[in-house]
């Protein structure tokens, strides 16, 4: 949440979600998980909730939004992914021991703090989104599994 201080976050999930809201965030249900219609489903949720940005965490969402980023932009919604998001996907996301969130090539949160190599690599790649990395600055998009949805 620190990465988006000053913003009201909408945390979406598939299926039933707890009815919980705080001044900083709220949970909303995205409905049933529909892999064939993810871009449409997520766009509709953004429009319904008045979201101005979306940070996909499922690899399937990353793929769907990477192909639909222009459509989201037409509605004034920023997709927080690099332009070549598919390139950054890993076959399987490693344990997130080092993570960072980037907006337009600038790190907004990281744990532990970024090394000089990581920050330099992230800036030169103009990263955008949530990433895991090693100490040498090799980044992969952070995703979670859709198994069980």
Foldseek 3Di string as FASTA:
>chain_A
DQLDPPAAEEAEDADDDDQDGDPRYGYDYLYHDDLVCLVVSVLVVCVVVVAQEDAAAAPSNLVSCLVVQVVSVVVNYHYQFQNPQVVQADPDADPQQWKFAADQLQTSDIPPDADPQQSVLSNVSRGGHMWGDDNNNRTHHHHDYPPPD
